[in-house]
Amino acid sequence: MRTLTPRSVATTLAALAVGFSAAATADDDRNEGNRFAARLSGYNEVHFIAAPTPALRGAISTQARGSFRAVIDDRAEMIHYELSFEGLEADVTQSHIHFGQRHTVGGIVVWLCQTAGTPAPAAVAAVTPQCGGPRASTVTGTITPAQVLTAVGQGIETGEFDEVVRAIRAGATYANVHSTLFPPGEIRGRIEHGDRGHHDRD
């Protein structure tokens, strides 16, 4: 039987450490590719102003701000997310992921949180977290295929988790938070690749 010398033990341990480090780095790299974030601001909102013309789109001036972070797990068909907001000028009513390009209003594909006054649709209400608040909160949740709703006329149908993931990766989704003062949305941010939501613009 071979006797291990201190030098051979040290060499073996070093090799194992390198192997574990490489595996951890590879895992981190995979996770990094599945991390997405948004920084939510009133300046990113897109509202139709009634006067002087309904075609005019306006932003929202508010002290509110927020962030959205998500990690996509393709194999498990899950998206783990955290939504935070603070400083809303009125009580929160709801929050969603919308399918829409910059400077447009898109359909709701996922409810991120709900309130007693504005509950999520019956099909997803049981799995949609409460927003908390009323003007500042942090909400965590998990998105599964059962939580994906139809974006009417936009090609995403109920349960099409892969379609939502593809839209997120293409930069074609945004998160927003609605309030009683600004029912169409008080703060909004485009969901982009990364972990910090660097971009203020939508």
N, C-alpha and C. Protein backbone atom coordinates (compact mmCIF):
# COMPACT_ATOMS: atom_id res chain seq x y z
N MET A 1 0.84 -1.19 0.00
CA MET A 1 0.00 0.00 0.00
C MET A 1 0.88 1.24 0.00
N ARG A 2 0.48 2.22 -0.81
CA ARG A 2 1.27 3.43 -0.96
C ARG A 2 1.05 4.36 0.24
N THR A 3 2.10 4.89 0.78
CA THR A 3 2.01 5.82 1.91
C THR A 3 2.04 7.24 1.37
N LEU A 4 1.04 8.03 1.80
CA LEU A 4 0.98 9.41 1.35
C LEU A 4 1.95 10.27 2.15
N THR A 5 2.75 11.03 1.44
CA THR A 5 3.68 11.95 2.09
C THR A 5 2.98 13.28 2.29
N PRO A 6 3.46 14.12 3.19
CA PRO A 6 2.85 15.45 3.35
C PRO A 6 2.75 16.22 2.05
N ARG A 7 3.79 16.06 1.20
CA ARG A 7 3.76 16.79 -0.06
C ARG A 7 2.66 16.27 -0.98
N SER A 8 2.45 14.93 -1.03
CA SER A 8 1.42 14.37 -1.90
C SER A 8 0.03 14.72 -1.38
N VAL A 9 -0.13 14.76 -0.05
CA VAL A 9 -1.41 15.16 0.52
C VAL A 9 -1.72 16.61 0.14
N ALA A 10 -0.72 17.47 0.26
CA ALA A 10 -0.91 18.88 -0.08
C ALA A 10 -1.26 19.04 -1.54
N THR A 11 -0.58 18.27 -2.41
CA THR A 11 -0.85 18.35 -3.85
C THR A 11 -2.29 17.91 -4.15
N THR A 12 -2.72 16.81 -3.49
CA THR A 12 -4.08 16.31 -3.70
C THR A 12 -5.13 17.32 -3.26
N LEU A 13 -4.91 17.90 -2.08
CA LEU A 13 -5.85 18.89 -1.57
C LEU A 13 -5.92 20.12 -2.47
N ALA A 14 -4.75 20.54 -2.99
CA ALA A 14 -4.72 21.69 -3.89
C ALA A 14 -5.51 21.40 -5.16
N ALA A 15 -5.36 20.20 -5.68
CA ALA A 15 -6.07 19.81 -6.91
C ALA A 15 -7.58 19.80 -6.66
N LEU A 16 -7.99 19.29 -5.50
CA LEU A 16 -9.41 19.27 -5.17
C LEU A 16 -9.96 20.68 -5.05
N ALA A 17 -9.16 21.55 -4.41
CA ALA A 17 -9.59 22.93 -4.24
C ALA A 17 -9.78 23.61 -5.58
N VAL A 18 -8.85 23.39 -6.50
CA VAL A 18 -8.96 23.96 -7.84
C VAL A 18 -10.20 23.44 -8.54
N GLY A 19 -10.47 22.13 -8.38
CA GLY A 19 -11.64 21.53 -9.01
C GLY A 19 -12.93 22.11 -8.48
N PHE A 20 -13.01 22.24 -7.13
CA PHE A 20 -14.21 22.82 -6.53
C PHE A 20 -14.39 24.28 -6.96
N SER A 21 -13.27 25.00 -7.02
CA SER A 21 -13.33 26.41 -7.42
C SER A 21 -13.83 26.56 -8.84
N ALA A 22 -13.33 25.69 -9.72
CA ALA A 22 -13.74 25.74 -11.12
C ALA A 22 -15.23 25.43 -11.26
N ALA A 23 -15.69 24.42 -10.47
CA ALA A 23 -17.10 24.05 -10.52
C ALA A 23 -17.97 25.19 -10.01
N ALA A 24 -17.54 25.83 -8.94
CA ALA A 24 -18.31 26.95 -8.38
C ALA A 24 -18.36 28.11 -9.35
N THR A 25 -17.22 28.36 -10.02
CA THR A 25 -17.18 29.45 -11.00
C THR A 25 -18.11 29.16 -12.16
N ALA A 26 -18.10 27.92 -12.62
CA ALA A 26 -18.99 27.54 -13.73
C ALA A 26 -20.44 27.71 -13.33
N ASP A 27 -20.77 27.31 -12.06
CA ASP A 27 -22.14 27.46 -11.59
C ASP A 27 -22.53 28.93 -11.49
N ASP A 28 -21.60 29.75 -10.99
CA ASP A 28 -21.86 31.19 -10.91
C ASP A 28 -22.10 31.78 -12.29
N ASP A 29 -21.29 31.33 -13.27
CA ASP A 29 -21.45 31.83 -14.63
C ASP A 29 -22.82 31.48 -15.19
N ARG A 30 -23.26 30.23 -14.92
CA ARG A 30 -24.59 29.84 -15.40
C ARG A 30 -25.67 30.69 -14.75
N ASN A 31 -25.55 30.90 -13.43
CA ASN A 31 -26.54 31.71 -12.73
C ASN A 31 -26.53 33.15 -13.23
N GLU A 32 -25.33 33.67 -13.50
CA GLU A 32 -25.22 35.06 -13.95
C GLU A 32 -25.98 35.25 -15.26
N GLY A 33 -25.93 34.26 -16.11
CA GLY A 33 -26.64 34.35 -17.38
C GLY A 33 -28.15 34.30 -17.24
N ASN A 34 -28.62 33.90 -16.07
CA ASN A 34 -30.06 33.80 -15.83
C ASN A 34 -30.57 34.87 -14.88
N ARG A 35 -29.75 35.85 -14.57
CA ARG A 35 -30.15 36.92 -13.66
C ARG A 35 -30.62 38.14 -14.46
N PHE A 36 -31.74 38.70 -14.01
CA PHE A 36 -32.31 39.87 -14.67
C PHE A 36 -32.79 40.86 -13.62
N ALA A 37 -32.83 42.13 -13.99
CA ALA A 37 -33.20 43.16 -13.02
C ALA A 37 -33.78 44.36 -13.72
N ALA A 38 -34.47 45.18 -12.94
CA ALA A 38 -35.01 46.45 -13.43
C ALA A 38 -34.98 47.46 -12.30
N ARG A 39 -34.75 48.71 -12.66
CA ARG A 39 -34.87 49.81 -11.71
C ARG A 39 -36.12 50.59 -12.08
N LEU A 40 -37.03 50.73 -11.14
CA LEU A 40 -38.34 51.30 -11.40
C LEU A 40 -38.39 52.79 -11.03
N SER A 41 -38.91 53.59 -11.95
CA SER A 41 -38.99 55.04 -11.77
C SER A 41 -40.24 55.57 -12.45
N GLY A 42 -40.76 56.69 -11.94
CA GLY A 42 -41.90 57.32 -12.59
C GLY A 42 -41.56 57.86 -13.96
N TYR A 43 -40.29 58.19 -14.18
CA TYR A 43 -39.88 58.73 -15.48
C TYR A 43 -40.00 57.69 -16.59
N ASN A 44 -40.08 56.42 -16.22
CA ASN A 44 -40.21 55.36 -17.22
C ASN A 44 -41.66 55.04 -17.57
N GLU A 45 -42.60 55.61 -16.81
CA GLU A 45 -44.00 55.30 -17.06
C GLU A 45 -44.46 55.88 -18.39
N VAL A 46 -45.47 55.26 -18.97
CA VAL A 46 -46.03 55.69 -20.25
C VAL A 46 -47.54 55.83 -20.08
N HIS A 47 -48.01 57.08 -19.98
CA HIS A 47 -49.43 57.34 -19.76
C HIS A 47 -50.01 58.11 -20.93
N PHE A 48 -51.26 57.81 -21.24
CA PHE A 48 -51.98 58.58 -22.25
C PHE A 48 -52.63 59.78 -21.56
N ILE A 49 -52.32 60.97 -22.02
CA ILE A 49 -52.85 62.19 -21.43
C ILE A 49 -54.10 62.61 -22.19
N ALA A 50 -55.18 62.89 -21.45
CA ALA A 50 -56.47 63.17 -22.10
C ALA A 50 -56.45 64.47 -22.89
N ALA A 51 -55.70 65.47 -22.43
CA ALA A 51 -55.69 66.76 -23.13
C ALA A 51 -54.24 67.24 -23.23
N PRO A 52 -53.87 67.90 -24.30
CA PRO A 52 -54.74 68.35 -25.40
C PRO A 52 -55.04 67.28 -26.43
N THR A 53 -54.33 66.17 -26.38
CA THR A 53 -54.61 65.11 -27.35
C THR A 53 -54.40 63.74 -26.70
N PRO A 54 -55.30 62.79 -26.95
CA PRO A 54 -55.17 61.46 -26.35
C PRO A 54 -53.91 60.72 -26.80
N ALA A 55 -53.29 61.16 -27.89
CA ALA A 55 -52.11 60.46 -28.40
C ALA A 55 -50.84 60.81 -27.62
N LEU A 56 -50.91 61.87 -26.80
CA LEU A 56 -49.72 62.30 -26.07
C LEU A 56 -49.39 61.30 -24.96
N ARG A 57 -48.12 60.93 -24.85
CA ARG A 57 -47.69 60.02 -23.79
C ARG A 57 -46.87 60.80 -22.78
N GLY A 58 -47.17 60.58 -21.50
CA GLY A 58 -46.47 61.32 -20.47
C GLY A 58 -45.86 60.43 -19.40
N ALA A 59 -44.77 60.91 -18.77
CA ALA A 59 -44.15 60.22 -17.65
C ALA A 59 -44.85 60.65 -16.36
N ILE A 60 -44.37 60.15 -15.23
CA ILE A 60 -44.94 60.47 -13.93
C ILE A 60 -43.84 61.10 -13.07
N SER A 61 -44.15 62.24 -12.45
CA SER A 61 -43.23 62.86 -11.51
C SER A 61 -43.59 62.38 -10.11
N THR A 62 -42.74 61.55 -9.52
CA THR A 62 -42.98 60.96 -8.21
C THR A 62 -41.65 60.70 -7.54
N GLN A 63 -41.65 60.75 -6.22
CA GLN A 63 -40.45 60.42 -5.46
C GLN A 63 -40.27 58.90 -5.31
N ALA A 64 -41.26 58.15 -5.74
CA ALA A 64 -41.22 56.70 -5.58
C ALA A 64 -40.10 56.08 -6.41
N ARG A 65 -39.60 54.98 -5.94
CA ARG A 65 -38.61 54.20 -6.69
C ARG A 65 -38.76 52.74 -6.30
N GLY A 66 -38.16 51.89 -7.12
CA GLY A 66 -38.26 50.47 -6.82
C GLY A 66 -37.24 49.67 -7.61
N SER A 67 -37.20 48.38 -7.31
CA SER A 67 -36.30 47.49 -8.03
C SER A 67 -36.97 46.13 -8.19
N PHE A 68 -36.55 45.44 -9.24
CA PHE A 68 -37.04 44.09 -9.51
C PHE A 68 -35.84 43.24 -9.86
N ARG A 69 -35.72 42.08 -9.23
CA ARG A 69 -34.64 41.14 -9.53
C ARG A 69 -35.23 39.76 -9.73
N ALA A 70 -34.69 39.03 -10.68
CA ALA A 70 -35.22 37.70 -10.98
C ALA A 70 -34.10 36.75 -11.40
N VAL A 71 -34.27 35.48 -11.06
CA VAL A 71 -33.37 34.43 -11.51
C VAL A 71 -34.21 33.37 -12.20
N ILE A 72 -33.89 33.10 -13.46
CA ILE A 72 -34.64 32.12 -14.25
C ILE A 72 -34.03 30.74 -14.08
N ASP A 73 -34.87 29.77 -13.77
CA ASP A 73 -34.46 28.36 -13.70
C ASP A 73 -35.21 27.63 -14.81
N ASP A 74 -34.57 27.49 -15.97
CA ASP A 74 -35.22 26.88 -17.12
C ASP A 74 -35.62 25.43 -16.86
N ARG A 75 -34.72 24.68 -16.22
CA ARG A 75 -34.97 23.26 -16.02
C ARG A 75 -36.20 23.03 -15.15
N ALA A 76 -36.34 23.82 -14.09
CA ALA A 76 -37.48 23.67 -13.18
C ALA A 76 -38.71 24.45 -13.64
N GLU A 77 -38.56 25.23 -14.72
CA GLU A 77 -39.62 26.12 -15.20
C GLU A 77 -40.11 27.03 -14.08
N MET A 78 -39.16 27.78 -13.50
CA MET A 78 -39.47 28.71 -12.43
C MET A 78 -38.67 29.99 -12.61
N ILE A 79 -39.24 31.08 -12.14
CA ILE A 79 -38.52 32.35 -12.02
C ILE A 79 -38.68 32.80 -10.57
N HIS A 80 -37.58 32.91 -9.87
CA HIS A 80 -37.60 33.41 -8.49
C HIS A 80 -37.37 34.92 -8.55
N TYR A 81 -38.21 35.68 -7.86
CA TYR A 81 -38.09 37.13 -7.98
C TYR A 81 -38.23 37.85 -6.64
N GLU A 82 -37.71 39.07 -6.63
CA GLU A 82 -37.88 39.98 -5.50
C GLU A 82 -38.25 41.35 -6.06
N LEU A 83 -39.35 41.89 -5.57
CA LEU A 83 -39.81 43.22 -5.96
C LEU A 83 -39.77 44.12 -4.73
N SER A 84 -39.14 45.29 -4.86
CA SER A 84 -39.11 46.26 -3.76
C SER A 84 -39.57 47.61 -4.29
N PHE A 85 -40.30 48.34 -3.46
CA PHE A 85 -40.68 49.71 -3.81
C PHE A 85 -40.81 50.53 -2.54
N GLU A 86 -40.65 51.85 -2.71
CA GLU A 86 -40.77 52.75 -1.57
C GLU A 86 -41.15 54.14 -2.07
N GLY A 87 -41.75 54.92 -1.18
CA GLY A 87 -42.04 56.31 -1.49
C GLY A 87 -43.21 56.54 -2.42
N LEU A 88 -44.10 55.56 -2.58
CA LEU A 88 -45.26 55.79 -3.44
C LEU A 88 -46.07 56.97 -2.91
N GLU A 89 -46.64 57.74 -3.81
CA GLU A 89 -47.40 58.91 -3.41
C GLU A 89 -48.83 58.58 -3.02
N ALA A 90 -49.21 57.32 -3.19
CA ALA A 90 -50.52 56.82 -2.75
C ALA A 90 -50.36 55.32 -2.52
N ASP A 91 -51.39 54.70 -1.96
CA ASP A 91 -51.30 53.29 -1.61
C ASP A 91 -51.15 52.40 -2.85
N VAL A 92 -50.34 51.38 -2.71
CA VAL A 92 -50.13 50.41 -3.79
C VAL A 92 -51.43 49.66 -4.07
N THR A 93 -51.64 49.30 -5.33
CA THR A 93 -52.81 48.49 -5.69
C THR A 93 -52.42 47.15 -6.30
N GLN A 94 -51.33 47.13 -7.10
CA GLN A 94 -50.96 45.90 -7.81
C GLN A 94 -49.60 46.09 -8.47
N SER A 95 -49.01 44.97 -8.91
CA SER A 95 -47.75 45.03 -9.65
C SER A 95 -47.70 43.85 -10.62
N HIS A 96 -47.06 44.09 -11.79
CA HIS A 96 -47.05 43.07 -12.85
C HIS A 96 -45.75 43.06 -13.64
N ILE A 97 -45.62 42.00 -14.44
CA ILE A 97 -44.71 42.00 -15.59
C ILE A 97 -45.58 42.18 -16.83
N HIS A 98 -45.21 43.15 -17.66
CA HIS A 98 -45.93 43.41 -18.91
C HIS A 98 -45.05 43.03 -20.10
N PHE A 99 -45.69 42.63 -21.18
CA PHE A 99 -45.01 42.31 -22.43
C PHE A 99 -45.15 43.51 -23.34
N GLY A 100 -44.06 44.31 -23.44
CA GLY A 100 -44.14 45.51 -24.27
C GLY A 100 -42.78 46.13 -24.49
N GLN A 101 -42.62 46.79 -25.62
CA GLN A 101 -41.38 47.46 -25.97
C GLN A 101 -41.27 48.80 -25.25
N ARG A 102 -40.12 49.45 -25.36
CA ARG A 102 -39.92 50.76 -24.76
C ARG A 102 -40.97 51.76 -25.26
N HIS A 103 -41.41 52.61 -24.33
CA HIS A 103 -42.34 53.71 -24.65
C HIS A 103 -43.68 53.21 -25.19
N THR A 104 -44.04 51.97 -24.83
CA THR A 104 -45.35 51.43 -25.20
C THR A 104 -45.99 50.83 -23.96
N VAL A 105 -47.27 50.57 -24.06
CA VAL A 105 -48.00 49.88 -23.00
C VAL A 105 -48.30 48.47 -23.48
N GLY A 106 -47.85 47.46 -22.72
CA GLY A 106 -48.05 46.07 -23.12
C GLY A 106 -48.96 45.34 -22.16
N GLY A 107 -49.42 44.18 -22.60
CA GLY A 107 -50.34 43.38 -21.80
C GLY A 107 -49.67 42.75 -20.58
N ILE A 108 -50.46 42.51 -19.55
CA ILE A 108 -49.97 41.83 -18.33
C ILE A 108 -49.78 40.36 -18.63
N VAL A 109 -48.59 39.83 -18.34
CA VAL A 109 -48.35 38.40 -18.49
C VAL A 109 -48.14 37.70 -17.15
N VAL A 110 -47.75 38.45 -16.12
CA VAL A 110 -47.57 37.87 -14.78
C VAL A 110 -47.95 38.91 -13.73
N TRP A 111 -48.72 38.50 -12.74
CA TRP A 111 -48.98 39.35 -11.57
C TRP A 111 -47.87 39.10 -10.55
N LEU A 112 -47.21 40.18 -10.12
CA LEU A 112 -46.15 40.07 -9.11
C LEU A 112 -46.71 40.21 -7.69
N CYS A 113 -47.74 41.05 -7.53
CA CYS A 113 -48.41 41.14 -6.22
C CYS A 113 -49.79 41.74 -6.40
N GLN A 114 -50.63 41.53 -5.39
CA GLN A 114 -52.01 41.98 -5.41
C GLN A 114 -52.37 42.60 -4.06
N THR A 115 -53.52 43.25 -4.02
CA THR A 115 -54.04 43.80 -2.77
C THR A 115 -55.50 43.40 -2.63
N ALA A 116 -56.05 43.63 -1.43
CA ALA A 116 -57.45 43.28 -1.20
C ALA A 116 -58.37 44.07 -2.13
N GLY A 117 -58.03 45.35 -2.37
CA GLY A 117 -58.85 46.18 -3.24
C GLY A 117 -58.69 45.88 -4.71
N THR A 118 -57.54 45.32 -5.09
CA THR A 118 -57.27 44.98 -6.49
C THR A 118 -56.68 43.57 -6.53
N PRO A 119 -57.54 42.56 -6.41
CA PRO A 119 -57.03 41.18 -6.42
C PRO A 119 -56.62 40.73 -7.80
N ALA A 120 -55.72 39.77 -7.85
CA ALA A 120 -55.32 39.16 -9.12
C ALA A 120 -56.49 38.36 -9.68
N PRO A 121 -56.48 38.05 -10.97
CA PRO A 121 -57.53 37.22 -11.54
C PRO A 121 -57.64 35.89 -10.79
N ALA A 122 -58.84 35.35 -10.76
CA ALA A 122 -59.11 34.14 -9.98
C ALA A 122 -58.15 33.00 -10.32
N ALA A 123 -57.74 32.92 -11.59
CA ALA A 123 -56.88 31.81 -12.02
C ALA A 123 -55.51 31.83 -11.35
N VAL A 124 -55.06 33.02 -10.91
CA VAL A 124 -53.72 33.12 -10.32
C VAL A 124 -53.73 33.74 -8.93
N ALA A 125 -54.89 34.09 -8.40
CA ALA A 125 -54.97 34.79 -7.12
C ALA A 125 -54.34 33.99 -5.98
N ALA A 126 -54.54 32.67 -5.98
CA ALA A 126 -54.05 31.84 -4.88
C ALA A 126 -52.53 31.75 -4.82
N VAL A 127 -51.86 32.04 -5.93
CA VAL A 127 -50.40 31.93 -5.97
C VAL A 127 -49.72 33.28 -6.17
N THR A 128 -50.49 34.36 -6.03
CA THR A 128 -49.94 35.71 -6.16
C THR A 128 -49.76 36.32 -4.77
N PRO A 129 -48.54 36.76 -4.41
CA PRO A 129 -48.32 37.35 -3.08
C PRO A 129 -49.07 38.66 -2.90
N GLN A 130 -49.28 39.03 -1.64
CA GLN A 130 -49.82 40.34 -1.31
C GLN A 130 -48.72 41.38 -1.45
N CYS A 131 -49.11 42.60 -1.86
CA CYS A 131 -48.13 43.66 -2.06
C CYS A 131 -47.57 44.20 -0.75
N GLY A 132 -48.33 44.08 0.36
CA GLY A 132 -47.85 44.66 1.60
C GLY A 132 -47.96 46.17 1.53
N GLY A 133 -47.04 46.84 2.20
CA GLY A 133 -47.04 48.30 2.04
C GLY A 133 -47.67 49.02 3.20
N PRO A 134 -48.49 50.05 2.94
CA PRO A 134 -49.12 50.34 1.65
C PRO A 134 -48.27 51.14 0.65
N ARG A 135 -47.20 51.81 1.13
CA ARG A 135 -46.44 52.65 0.20
C ARG A 135 -44.98 52.24 0.07
N ALA A 136 -44.59 51.22 0.81
CA ALA A 136 -43.24 50.67 0.71
C ALA A 136 -43.31 49.21 1.11
N SER A 137 -42.62 48.36 0.37
CA SER A 137 -42.67 46.93 0.67
C SER A 137 -41.62 46.19 -0.13
N THR A 138 -41.32 44.98 0.32
CA THR A 138 -40.50 44.04 -0.45
C THR A 138 -41.28 42.74 -0.56
N VAL A 139 -41.46 42.28 -1.77
CA VAL A 139 -42.26 41.08 -2.05
C VAL A 139 -41.37 40.05 -2.74
N THR A 140 -41.43 38.82 -2.30
CA THR A 140 -40.73 37.73 -2.98
C THR A 140 -41.74 36.71 -3.47
N GLY A 141 -41.40 36.06 -4.57
CA GLY A 141 -42.31 35.06 -5.11
C GLY A 141 -41.65 34.20 -6.16
N THR A 142 -42.40 33.25 -6.66
CA THR A 142 -41.93 32.32 -7.69
C THR A 142 -42.96 32.28 -8.82
N ILE A 143 -42.47 32.45 -10.03
CA ILE A 143 -43.34 32.39 -11.21
C ILE A 143 -43.21 31.02 -11.85
N THR A 144 -44.34 30.36 -12.09
CA THR A 144 -44.39 29.06 -12.77
C THR A 144 -45.30 29.19 -13.99
N PRO A 145 -45.36 28.16 -14.84
CA PRO A 145 -46.25 28.24 -16.00
C PRO A 145 -47.70 28.55 -15.63
N ALA A 146 -48.14 28.08 -14.47
CA ALA A 146 -49.54 28.30 -14.06
C ALA A 146 -49.85 29.77 -13.82
N GLN A 147 -48.81 30.61 -13.67
CA GLN A 147 -49.04 32.03 -13.40
C GLN A 147 -48.96 32.91 -14.63
N VAL A 148 -48.67 32.33 -15.77
CA VAL A 148 -48.56 33.11 -17.01
C VAL A 148 -49.95 33.33 -17.60
N LEU A 149 -50.27 34.60 -17.86
CA LEU A 149 -51.57 34.97 -18.41
C LEU A 149 -51.46 35.34 -19.89
N THR A 150 -52.59 35.35 -20.56
CA THR A 150 -52.64 35.71 -21.97
C THR A 150 -52.43 37.20 -22.17
N ALA A 151 -51.51 37.56 -23.04
CA ALA A 151 -51.38 38.94 -23.49
C ALA A 151 -52.20 39.05 -24.77
N VAL A 152 -53.41 39.55 -24.63
CA VAL A 152 -54.39 39.51 -25.73
C VAL A 152 -53.84 40.21 -26.97
N GLY A 153 -53.84 39.47 -28.08
CA GLY A 153 -53.40 40.02 -29.35
C GLY A 153 -51.90 40.14 -29.51
N GLN A 154 -51.12 39.61 -28.52
CA GLN A 154 -49.66 39.75 -28.59
C GLN A 154 -48.94 38.42 -28.73
N GLY A 155 -49.67 37.31 -28.76
CA GLY A 155 -49.04 36.03 -29.06
C GLY A 155 -48.60 35.21 -27.87
N ILE A 156 -48.72 35.73 -26.65
CA ILE A 156 -48.42 34.93 -25.46
C ILE A 156 -49.75 34.45 -24.88
N GLU A 157 -49.87 33.14 -24.74
CA GLU A 157 -51.11 32.56 -24.23
C GLU A 157 -50.91 32.06 -22.80
N THR A 158 -52.01 31.78 -22.13
CA THR A 158 -51.99 31.30 -20.76
C THR A 158 -51.09 30.07 -20.63
N GLY A 159 -50.18 30.09 -19.65
CA GLY A 159 -49.31 28.95 -19.37
C GLY A 159 -48.05 28.87 -20.20
N GLU A 160 -47.85 29.81 -21.15
CA GLU A 160 -46.67 29.74 -22.02
C GLU A 160 -45.45 30.37 -21.35
N PHE A 161 -44.93 29.64 -20.38
CA PHE A 161 -43.78 30.08 -19.59
C PHE A 161 -42.58 30.37 -20.49
N ASP A 162 -42.30 29.48 -21.44
CA ASP A 162 -41.14 29.66 -22.32
C ASP A 162 -41.24 30.95 -23.13
N GLU A 163 -42.46 31.33 -23.51
CA GLU A 163 -42.64 32.57 -24.26
C GLU A 163 -42.30 33.79 -23.41
N VAL A 164 -42.69 33.75 -22.14
CA VAL A 164 -42.37 34.85 -21.24
C VAL A 164 -40.86 34.94 -21.02
N VAL A 165 -40.22 33.79 -20.80
CA VAL A 165 -38.77 33.77 -20.61
C VAL A 165 -38.06 34.33 -21.84
N ARG A 166 -38.52 33.94 -23.01
CA ARG A 166 -37.91 34.43 -24.25
C ARG A 166 -38.07 35.94 -24.36
N ALA A 167 -39.24 36.45 -23.98
CA ALA A 167 -39.48 37.89 -24.03
C ALA A 167 -38.59 38.64 -23.04
N ILE A 168 -38.41 38.07 -21.85
CA ILE A 168 -37.53 38.68 -20.85
C ILE A 168 -36.11 38.76 -21.39
N ARG A 169 -35.64 37.68 -21.96
CA ARG A 169 -34.26 37.64 -22.48
C ARG A 169 -34.09 38.57 -23.68
N ALA A 170 -35.17 38.85 -24.38
CA ALA A 170 -35.09 39.75 -25.53
C ALA A 170 -35.23 41.21 -25.12
N GLY A 171 -35.44 41.48 -23.83
CA GLY A 171 -35.61 42.86 -23.39
C GLY A 171 -36.98 43.43 -23.73
N ALA A 172 -37.96 42.55 -23.89
CA ALA A 172 -39.30 42.99 -24.32
C ALA A 172 -40.32 42.93 -23.19
N THR A 173 -39.87 43.03 -21.93
CA THR A 173 -40.79 43.05 -20.80
C THR A 173 -40.41 44.18 -19.85
N TYR A 174 -41.38 44.62 -19.07
CA TYR A 174 -41.10 45.60 -18.03
C TYR A 174 -41.93 45.27 -16.79
N ALA A 175 -41.43 45.70 -15.63
CA ALA A 175 -42.16 45.55 -14.38
C ALA A 175 -42.67 46.92 -13.97
N ASN A 176 -43.87 46.95 -13.38
CA ASN A 176 -44.35 48.23 -12.86
C ASN A 176 -45.18 48.02 -11.60
N VAL A 177 -45.34 49.12 -10.86
CA VAL A 177 -46.12 49.13 -9.63
C VAL A 177 -47.19 50.20 -9.78
N HIS A 178 -48.43 49.85 -9.49
CA HIS A 178 -49.57 50.75 -9.63
C HIS A 178 -49.98 51.28 -8.25
N SER A 179 -50.57 52.47 -8.21
CA SER A 179 -51.07 53.04 -6.97
C SER A 179 -52.44 53.64 -7.19
N THR A 180 -53.11 54.01 -6.10
CA THR A 180 -54.46 54.60 -6.23
C THR A 180 -54.40 55.97 -6.89
N LEU A 181 -53.30 56.70 -6.74
CA LEU A 181 -53.17 58.01 -7.38
C LEU A 181 -52.85 57.88 -8.86
N PHE A 182 -52.08 56.85 -9.22
CA PHE A 182 -51.70 56.61 -10.62
C PHE A 182 -52.11 55.19 -10.99
N PRO A 183 -53.40 54.98 -11.28
CA PRO A 183 -53.90 53.63 -11.56
C PRO A 183 -53.18 52.91 -12.71
N PRO A 184 -52.79 53.60 -13.81
CA PRO A 184 -52.07 52.88 -14.87
C PRO A 184 -50.64 52.49 -14.49
N GLY A 185 -50.12 53.04 -13.40
CA GLY A 185 -48.76 52.72 -12.95
C GLY A 185 -48.04 53.94 -12.45
N GLU A 186 -47.37 53.83 -11.30
CA GLU A 186 -46.62 54.96 -10.76
C GLU A 186 -45.12 54.85 -11.06
N ILE A 187 -44.59 53.64 -11.05
CA ILE A 187 -43.17 53.43 -11.39
C ILE A 187 -43.04 52.21 -12.29
N ARG A 188 -42.02 52.27 -13.13
CA ARG A 188 -41.84 51.23 -14.15
C ARG A 188 -40.37 51.10 -14.49
N GLY A 189 -39.96 49.90 -14.91
CA GLY A 189 -38.59 49.69 -15.37
C GLY A 189 -38.47 48.50 -16.29
N ARG A 190 -37.64 48.66 -17.32
CA ARG A 190 -37.42 47.55 -18.25
C ARG A 190 -36.60 46.46 -17.58
N ILE A 191 -36.99 45.22 -17.78
CA ILE A 191 -36.27 44.06 -17.23
C ILE A 191 -35.12 43.74 -18.17
N GLU A 192 -33.90 43.82 -17.65
CA GLU A 192 -32.71 43.62 -18.47
C GLU A 192 -31.77 42.62 -17.84
N HIS A 193 -30.89 42.07 -18.67
CA HIS A 193 -29.92 41.10 -18.17
C HIS A 193 -28.99 41.74 -17.16
N GLY A 194 -28.72 41.05 -16.08
CA GLY A 194 -27.82 41.55 -15.04
C GLY A 194 -28.47 41.43 -13.69
N ASP A 195 -27.75 41.88 -12.65
CA ASP A 195 -28.21 41.66 -11.29
C ASP A 195 -28.47 42.95 -10.53
N ARG A 196 -28.24 44.11 -11.15
CA ARG A 196 -28.33 45.34 -10.37
C ARG A 196 -29.31 46.36 -10.92
N GLY A 197 -29.85 46.12 -12.12
CA GLY A 197 -30.80 47.08 -12.68
C GLY A 197 -30.17 48.45 -12.88
N HIS A 198 -29.06 48.50 -13.64
CA HIS A 198 -28.28 49.73 -13.79
C HIS A 198 -29.02 50.83 -14.51
N HIS A 199 -29.91 50.50 -15.42
CA HIS A 199 -30.42 51.50 -16.35
C HIS A 199 -31.70 52.14 -15.83
N ASP A 200 -31.73 53.45 -15.77
CA ASP A 200 -32.92 54.18 -15.35
C ASP A 200 -33.91 54.32 -16.50
N ARG A 201 -33.40 54.36 -17.70
CA ARG A 201 -34.29 54.62 -18.83
C ARG A 201 -35.04 53.35 -19.20
N ASP A 202 -36.25 53.52 -19.74
CA ASP A 202 -37.07 52.38 -20.15
C ASP A 202 -37.00 52.20 -21.66
